[in-house]
Protein backbone atom coordinates (compact mmCIF):
# COMPACT_ATOMS: atom_id res chain seq x y z
CA UNK A 1 64.95 37.10 -69.89
CA UNK A 2 66.53 35.59 -66.98
CA UNK A 3 67.60 38.48 -64.81
CA UNK A 4 65.38 41.21 -63.85
CA UNK A 5 66.95 44.04 -61.81
CA UNK A 6 64.90 46.42 -60.18
CA UNK A 7 65.52 50.18 -58.66
CA UNK A 8 64.24 51.07 -55.22
CA UNK A 9 62.90 54.91 -55.08
CA UNK A 10 60.09 55.60 -57.33
CA UNK A 11 59.71 51.71 -58.50
CA UNK A 12 59.75 49.56 -55.73
CA UNK A 13 59.51 52.14 -52.96
CA UNK A 14 57.67 55.49 -53.02
CA UNK A 15 60.00 58.66 -52.99
CA UNK A 16 58.07 61.93 -53.34
CA UNK A 17 60.57 64.87 -51.98
CA UNK A 18 57.59 67.28 -53.01
CA UNK A 19 55.41 65.36 -50.57
CA UNK A 20 58.35 65.10 -47.71
CA UNK A 21 58.85 69.01 -47.97
CA UNK A 22 54.97 69.74 -47.70
CA UNK A 23 55.34 67.82 -44.56
CA UNK A 24 58.10 69.08 -43.43
CA UNK A 25 56.68 72.45 -43.58
CA UNK A 26 53.97 74.45 -44.45
CA UNK A 27 55.63 77.70 -45.95
CA UNK A 28 55.96 77.29 -49.82
CA UNK A 29 59.30 79.15 -49.61
CA UNK A 30 60.80 76.75 -47.05
CA UNK A 31 59.54 73.98 -49.22
CA UNK A 32 61.06 75.31 -52.10
CA UNK A 33 64.35 76.03 -50.37
CA UNK A 34 64.41 72.61 -48.96
CA UNK A 35 64.04 70.87 -52.41
CA UNK A 36 66.86 73.07 -53.79
CA UNK A 37 68.80 72.87 -50.80
CA UNK A 38 68.54 69.33 -49.58
CA UNK A 39 67.01 67.09 -52.06
CA UNK A 40 68.27 68.37 -55.14
CA UNK A 41 71.34 69.79 -53.95
CA UNK A 42 74.80 68.02 -55.22
CA UNK A 43 75.56 66.89 -51.67
CA UNK A 44 72.62 64.43 -51.88
CA UNK A 45 74.26 62.98 -54.82
CA UNK A 46 77.32 62.75 -52.80
CA UNK A 47 75.67 61.05 -49.75
CA UNK A 48 74.36 58.66 -52.49
CA UNK A 49 77.76 58.09 -53.51
CA UNK A 50 78.88 57.03 -50.21
CA UNK A 51 81.29 60.43 -50.28
CA UNK A 52 79.14 62.05 -47.35
CA UNK A 53 78.18 60.64 -44.09
CA UNK A 54 74.37 61.75 -43.11
CA UNK A 55 76.12 63.52 -40.54
CA UNK A 56 78.19 64.99 -42.61
CA UNK A 57 75.37 65.88 -45.00
CA UNK A 58 73.72 67.44 -42.03
CA UNK A 59 76.56 69.78 -41.09
CA UNK A 60 76.94 71.17 -44.44
CA UNK A 61 73.11 71.66 -45.12
CA UNK A 62 72.58 73.47 -41.59
CA UNK A 63 75.29 75.83 -43.04
CA UNK A 64 73.22 76.74 -46.17
CA UNK A 65 69.71 76.70 -44.57
CA UNK A 66 67.95 78.32 -41.79
CA UNK A 67 67.19 74.90 -40.12
CA UNK A 68 69.21 73.41 -37.22
CA UNK A 69 71.00 70.19 -37.47
CA UNK A 70 68.55 68.43 -35.12
CA UNK A 71 65.54 69.56 -37.57
CA UNK A 72 67.49 68.37 -40.59
CA UNK A 73 68.06 65.04 -38.59
CA UNK A 74 64.79 64.88 -37.90
CA UNK A 75 64.03 65.40 -41.74
CA UNK A 76 66.42 62.72 -42.92
CA UNK A 77 64.30 60.11 -40.55
CA UNK A 78 60.62 61.07 -42.15
CA UNK A 79 62.63 60.97 -45.52
CA UNK A 80 63.61 57.45 -44.58
CA UNK A 81 60.14 56.75 -42.78
CA UNK A 82 58.46 57.84 -46.02
CA UNK A 83 60.20 54.72 -48.36
CA UNK A 84 57.16 52.63 -48.19
CA UNK A 85 56.47 50.00 -50.82
CA UNK A 86 54.65 50.25 -53.94
CA UNK A 87 52.20 47.35 -53.74
CA UNK A 88 51.67 46.87 -57.22
CA UNK A 89 55.37 46.51 -57.98
CA UNK A 90 55.88 44.55 -54.81
CA UNK A 91 53.41 42.13 -56.55
CA UNK A 92 55.28 42.44 -59.83
CA UNK A 93 58.37 41.54 -57.91
CA UNK A 94 56.68 38.52 -56.42
CA UNK A 95 55.35 37.29 -59.70
CA UNK A 96 58.99 37.20 -61.15
CA UNK A 97 59.73 35.29 -58.19
CA UNK A 98 57.24 32.57 -58.91
CA UNK A 99 58.33 32.49 -62.55
CA UNK A 100 61.46 31.58 -61.07
CA UNK A 101 63.33 35.06 -62.87
CA UNK A 102 66.72 35.83 -61.24
CA UNK A 103 66.07 39.10 -59.40
CA UNK A 104 68.40 42.01 -58.57
CA UNK A 105 68.34 45.22 -57.09
CA UNK A 106 70.33 48.27 -58.29
CA UNK A 107 69.92 51.36 -56.25
CA UNK A 108 71.43 54.57 -55.54
CA UNK A 109 71.01 55.21 -51.78
CA UNK A 110 73.06 56.04 -48.85
CA UNK A 111 74.34 53.64 -46.49
CA UNK A 112 72.39 54.95 -43.89
CA UNK A 113 69.17 55.12 -45.85
CA UNK A 114 69.67 51.47 -47.03
CA UNK A 115 70.49 49.94 -43.39
CA UNK A 116 67.34 51.82 -42.16
CA UNK A 117 65.16 50.13 -44.60
CA UNK A 118 66.56 46.74 -45.53
CA UNK A 119 65.41 44.67 -42.84
CA UNK A 120 61.87 46.71 -42.85
CA UNK A 121 60.73 45.31 -45.80
CA UNK A 122 60.05 41.52 -46.78
CA UNK A 123 60.92 41.85 -50.58
CA UNK A 124 64.66 42.49 -49.86
CA UNK A 125 64.84 38.55 -49.12
CA UNK A 126 63.67 38.01 -53.07
CA UNK A 127 66.66 39.46 -54.39
CA UNK A 128 69.55 37.36 -55.59
CA UNK A 129 71.94 40.27 -54.98
CA UNK A 130 71.65 43.83 -54.36
CA UNK A 131 73.93 46.56 -55.16
CA UNK A 132 73.57 50.00 -53.35
CA UNK A 133 75.82 52.91 -54.75
CA UNK A 134 76.70 54.06 -51.28
CA UNK A 135 78.25 51.15 -50.81
CA UNK A 136 80.18 50.72 -53.85
CA UNK A 137 81.09 54.41 -53.88
CA UNK A 138 79.80 54.99 -57.34
CA UNK A 139 76.33 55.92 -58.56
CA UNK A 140 74.28 55.80 -62.07
CA UNK A 141 73.86 56.54 -64.37
CA UNK A 142 77.72 55.78 -64.25
CA UNK A 143 78.45 52.44 -66.44
CA UNK A 144 80.89 51.52 -63.53
CA UNK A 145 78.12 50.59 -61.16
CA UNK A 146 76.27 48.48 -63.72
CA UNK A 147 79.68 46.74 -64.52
CA UNK A 148 79.26 45.80 -60.93
CA UNK A 149 76.01 44.59 -60.97
CA UNK A 150 77.08 42.33 -64.21
CA UNK A 151 80.29 41.08 -63.26
CA UNK A 152 79.65 40.21 -59.48
CA UNK A 153 76.54 38.09 -60.43
CA UNK A 154 77.59 37.16 -64.01
CA UNK A 155 74.78 38.53 -65.44
CA UNK A 156 74.56 38.34 -69.26
CA UNK A 157 72.98 42.13 -70.51
CA UNK A 158 70.85 40.25 -73.21
CA UNK A 159 69.29 38.27 -70.79
CA UNK A 160 68.56 40.97 -68.52
CA UNK A 161 65.73 43.68 -67.84
CA UNK A 162 66.49 46.93 -65.87
CA UNK A 163 63.67 48.45 -64.48
CA UNK A 164 64.17 52.14 -63.25
CA UNK A 165 62.46 55.42 -63.27
CA UNK A 166 65.55 57.59 -64.83
CA UNK A 167 65.90 58.30 -68.21
CA UNK A 168 69.71 58.50 -67.57
CA UNK A 169 69.89 55.35 -66.09
CA UNK A 170 68.18 53.35 -68.82
CA UNK A 171 70.31 55.13 -71.48
CA UNK A 172 73.23 54.00 -69.70
CA UNK A 173 71.71 50.18 -69.26
CA UNK A 174 70.73 50.36 -72.81
CA UNK A 175 74.11 51.11 -73.83
CA UNK A 176 75.47 48.40 -72.30
CA UNK A 177 72.85 45.92 -74.04
CA UNK A 178 70.46 45.39 -71.46
CA UNK A 179 67.05 45.56 -72.05
CA UNK A 180 65.44 48.72 -70.15
CA UNK A 181 62.27 49.67 -69.18
CA UNK A 182 61.83 53.33 -67.81
CA UNK A 183 59.37 52.96 -65.21
CA UNK A 184 56.29 54.80 -64.38
CA UNK A 185 53.62 53.99 -62.07
CA UNK A 186 50.94 53.37 -64.85
CA UNK A 187 48.63 50.24 -65.80
CA UNK A 188 50.59 50.25 -69.39
CA UNK A 189 54.13 50.34 -67.92
CA UNK A 190 52.97 47.31 -65.50
CA UNK A 191 51.23 45.83 -68.30
CA UNK A 192 54.45 45.86 -70.20
CA UNK A 193 56.75 44.48 -67.65
CA UNK A 194 53.99 41.56 -66.90
CA UNK A 195 54.13 40.81 -70.70
CA UNK A 196 57.72 40.21 -70.38
CA UNK A 197 57.36 37.91 -67.64
CA UNK A 198 54.90 35.89 -68.93
CA UNK A 199 57.06 35.35 -72.45
CA UNK A 200 60.14 34.30 -70.25
CA UNK A 201 57.81 32.06 -68.06
CA UNK A 202 57.05 30.52 -71.58
CA UNK A 203 60.42 29.83 -72.63
């Protein structure tokens, strides 16, 4: 395996909408509304696809929730600030780099969120290539965004490992012949990836 492709949210970066909602409001009804009308709303995916700007997202969310535009802007800022590295995965990325594997990032993320975090975390410098849905105007699990990654960086699917927390994304990767691991932040998952790395290093 020559190429290792990492997702960002819930793989390399913490992503916990429930915790963000709890921090945003102590009221459980408001927390449920926030999850339904912000993080799990179709507009969120549209923002990830680059079809909605952050400002447009805020305008639309303000019409279906009780919160002002400023309050929603504050929520999105808190959301960006919550995307902190998962240290064990970051260490795994470093090991892959030391094994001289080619490292890539394939993530669903809005342009504004990516712009906010890309210079904050040193691990971004390890990637040989990065594909962000908001920039490409297409998101996982679409085959199109996987094809963009493979073609842009001339990756052979059979030589590529894809690490992502979403079952739908894993299914698409496997349909393209990519070796895919559904990530969970567990010792067993880390051992599985480390084992692949060790085997690749011996090749």
